[in-house]
Amino acid sequence: MSWVWVLIAAIVLLALLSGNGNQKSTRKADSHWIYHPHVIDPDNYECSQCHSRVRKPGQTCPKCGTKMIGKTEKDEDEWFEEEEELDMILDDD
């Protein structure tokens, strides 16, 4: 009867290990930097996987270690929000 439990444990372990490997390869296939231009603050880049931000992009994310494969995406929403805030502060119309 104990060999049945060993067999079940081995099957569960193999299922867990094979599932994690597939998930990592899918995750890395679409990894890229997201460029965030800013009006006042320095521009920065966001990792598409862990969402940490850096000032200078590299080939890998320094926080999660994901290799950046895809093209850099540009996100200008923050820039427009900062521009509107700056206009409100300076009262420009």
C-alpha atoms as a PDB file:
ATOM      1  CA  MET A   1       0.000   0.000   0.000  1.00  0.00           C
ATOM      2  CA  SER A   2       2.887   2.431   0.697  1.00  0.00           C
ATOM      3  CA  TRP A   3       4.200   2.181  -2.894  1.00  0.00           C
ATOM      4  CA  VAL A   4       0.870   3.674  -4.056  1.00  0.00           C
ATOM      5  CA  TRP A   5       1.541   6.817  -2.010  1.00  0.00           C
ATOM      6  CA  VAL A   6       5.063   7.062  -3.396  1.00  0.00           C
ATOM      7  CA  LEU A   7       3.683   6.778  -6.930  1.00  0.00           C
ATOM      8  CA  ILE A   8       1.028   9.455  -6.254  1.00  0.00           C
ATOM      9  CA  ALA A   9       3.651  11.783  -4.740  1.00  0.00           C
ATOM     10  CA  ALA A  10       5.927  11.296  -7.770  1.00  0.00           C
ATOM     11  CA  ILE A  11       3.074  12.083 -10.193  1.00  0.00           C
ATOM     12  CA  VAL A  12       2.111  15.230  -8.266  1.00  0.00           C
ATOM     13  CA  LEU A  13       5.731  16.376  -8.121  1.00  0.00           C
ATOM     14  CA  LEU A  14       6.214  15.855 -11.861  1.00  0.00           C
ATOM     15  CA  ALA A  15       2.993  17.756 -12.603  1.00  0.00           C
ATOM     16  CA  LEU A  16       4.105  20.692 -10.457  1.00  0.00           C
ATOM     17  CA  LEU A  17       7.577  20.834 -11.987  1.00  0.00           C
ATOM     18  CA  SER A  18       6.373  20.612 -15.579  1.00  0.00           C
ATOM     19  CA  GLY A  19       3.697  23.281 -14.993  1.00  0.00           C
ATOM     20  CA  ASN A  20       6.191  25.794 -13.583  1.00  0.00           C
ATOM     21  CA  GLY A  21       8.606  25.299 -16.480  1.00  0.00           C
ATOM     22  CA  ASN A  22       5.936  26.015 -19.065  1.00  0.00           C
ATOM     23  CA  GLN A  23       4.739  29.064 -17.199  1.00  0.00           C
ATOM     24  CA  LYS A  24       8.226  30.580 -17.044  1.00  0.00           C
ATOM     25  CA  SER A  25       8.925  30.106 -20.742  1.00  0.00           C
ATOM     26  CA  THR A  26       5.588  31.703 -21.680  1.00  0.00           C
ATOM     27  CA  ARG A  27       6.234  34.551 -19.286  1.00  0.00           C
ATOM     28  CA  LYS A  28       9.658  35.325 -20.698  1.00  0.00           C
ATOM     29  CA  ALA A  29       8.546  35.114 -24.320  1.00  0.00           C
ATOM     30  CA  ASP A  30       6.553  38.335 -24.062  1.00  0.00           C
ATOM     31  CA  SER A  31       8.805  40.277 -21.677  1.00  0.00           C
ATOM     32  CA  HIS A  32       9.706  43.848 -22.602  1.00  0.00           C
ATOM     33  CA  TRP A  33      10.373  47.303 -21.188  1.00  0.00           C
ATOM     34  CA  ILE A  34       7.599  49.900 -20.980  1.00  0.00           C
ATOM     35  CA  TYR A  35       9.003  53.407 -21.481  1.00  0.00           C
ATOM     36  CA  HIS A  36       7.475  56.125 -19.274  1.00  0.00           C
ATOM     37  CA  PRO A  37       8.453  59.649 -20.372  1.00  0.00           C
ATOM     38  CA  HIS A  38       8.049  62.357 -17.728  1.00  0.00           C
ATOM     39  CA  VAL A  39       7.772  66.128 -17.844  1.00  0.00           C
ATOM     40  CA  ILE A  40       9.619  66.942 -14.616  1.00  0.00           C
ATOM     41  CA  ASP A  41      10.988  63.668 -13.199  1.00  0.00           C
ATOM     42  CA  PRO A  42      13.582  61.601 -15.080  1.00  0.00           C
ATOM     43  CA  ASP A  43      12.190  59.156 -17.625  1.00  0.00           C
ATOM     44  CA  ASN A  44      12.047  55.531 -16.521  1.00  0.00           C
ATOM     45  CA  TYR A  45      11.361  52.048 -17.821  1.00  0.00           C
ATOM     46  CA  GLU A  46       9.006  49.461 -16.294  1.00  0.00           C
ATOM     47  CA  CYS A  47       9.492  45.692 -16.455  1.00  0.00           C
ATOM     48  CA  SER A  48       6.439  44.072 -18.065  1.00  0.00           C
ATOM     49  CA  GLN A  49       6.749  41.101 -15.694  1.00  0.00           C
ATOM     50  CA  CYS A  50       7.401  42.409 -12.162  1.00  0.00           C
ATOM     51  CA  HIS A  51       6.522  46.093 -12.854  1.00  0.00           C
ATOM     52  CA  SER A  52       9.651  47.430 -11.152  1.00  0.00           C
ATOM     53  CA  ARG A  53      11.033  50.654 -12.611  1.00  0.00           C
ATOM     54  CA  VAL A  54      14.575  51.545 -13.621  1.00  0.00           C
ATOM     55  CA  ARG A  55      16.111  54.656 -15.183  1.00  0.00           C
ATOM     56  CA  LYS A  56      18.205  52.834 -17.776  1.00  0.00           C
ATOM     57  CA  PRO A  57      16.939  49.645 -19.414  1.00  0.00           C
ATOM     58  CA  GLY A  58      19.182  46.652 -19.766  1.00  0.00           C
ATOM     59  CA  GLN A  59      18.934  43.238 -21.354  1.00  0.00           C
ATOM     60  CA  THR A  60      17.511  41.812 -18.114  1.00  0.00           C
ATOM     61  CA  CYS A  61      15.399  43.200 -15.277  1.00  0.00           C
ATOM     62  CA  PRO A  62      17.577  43.787 -12.194  1.00  0.00           C
ATOM     63  CA  LYS A  63      14.733  42.835  -9.843  1.00  0.00           C
ATOM     64  CA  CYS A  64      13.240  39.630 -11.328  1.00  0.00           C
ATOM     65  CA  GLY A  65      16.029  38.642 -13.755  1.00  0.00           C
ATOM     66  CA  THR A  66      13.706  38.300 -16.756  1.00  0.00           C
ATOM     67  CA  LYS A  67      15.458  38.659 -20.097  1.00  0.00           C
ATOM     68  CA  MET A  68      13.866  41.400 -22.198  1.00  0.00           C
ATOM     69  CA  ILE A  69      12.992  39.967 -25.602  1.00  0.00           C
ATOM     70  CA  GLY A  70      10.191  42.155 -26.997  1.00  0.00           C
ATOM     71  CA  LYS A  71      10.351  45.718 -28.299  1.00  0.00           C
ATOM     72  CA  THR A  72      10.104  48.632 -25.872  1.00  0.00           C
ATOM     73  CA  GLU A  73       6.546  49.872 -25.514  1.00  0.00           C
ATOM     74  CA  LYS A  74       5.923  53.605 -25.037  1.00  0.00           C
ATOM     75  CA  ASP A  75       3.368  54.735 -22.440  1.00  0.00           C
ATOM     76  CA  GLU A  76       2.547  58.431 -22.707  1.00  0.00           C
ATOM     77  CA  ASP A  77      -0.434  58.477 -20.317  1.00  0.00           C
ATOM     78  CA  GLU A  78       1.710  59.523 -17.361  1.00  0.00           C
ATOM     79  CA  TRP A  79       3.341  62.257 -19.425  1.00  0.00           C
ATOM     80  CA  PHE A  80      -0.053  63.764 -20.306  1.00  0.00           C
ATOM     81  CA  GLU A  81      -1.211  63.559 -16.665  1.00  0.00           C
ATOM     82  CA  GLU A  82       1.960  65.331 -15.498  1.00  0.00           C
ATOM     83  CA  GLU A  83       1.546  67.957 -18.215  1.00  0.00           C
ATOM     84  CA  GLU A  84      -2.017  68.668 -17.057  1.00  0.00           C
ATOM     85  CA  GLU A  85      -0.847  68.942 -13.437  1.00  0.00           C
ATOM     86  CA  LEU A  86       1.944  71.303 -14.474  1.00  0.00           C
ATOM     87  CA  ASP A  87      -0.542  73.442 -16.441  1.00  0.00           C
ATOM     88  CA  MET A  88      -2.782  73.648 -13.366  1.00  0.00           C
ATOM     89  CA  ILE A  89       0.136  74.677 -11.159  1.00  0.00           C
ATOM     90  CA  LEU A  90       1.413  77.290 -13.631  1.00  0.00           C
ATOM     91  CA  ASP A  91      -2.148  78.266 -14.606  1.00  0.00           C
ATOM     92  CA  ASP A  92      -1.403  77.883 -18.322  1.00  0.00           C
ATOM     93  CA  ASP A  93      -4.338  77.614 -20.721  1.00  0.00           C
END
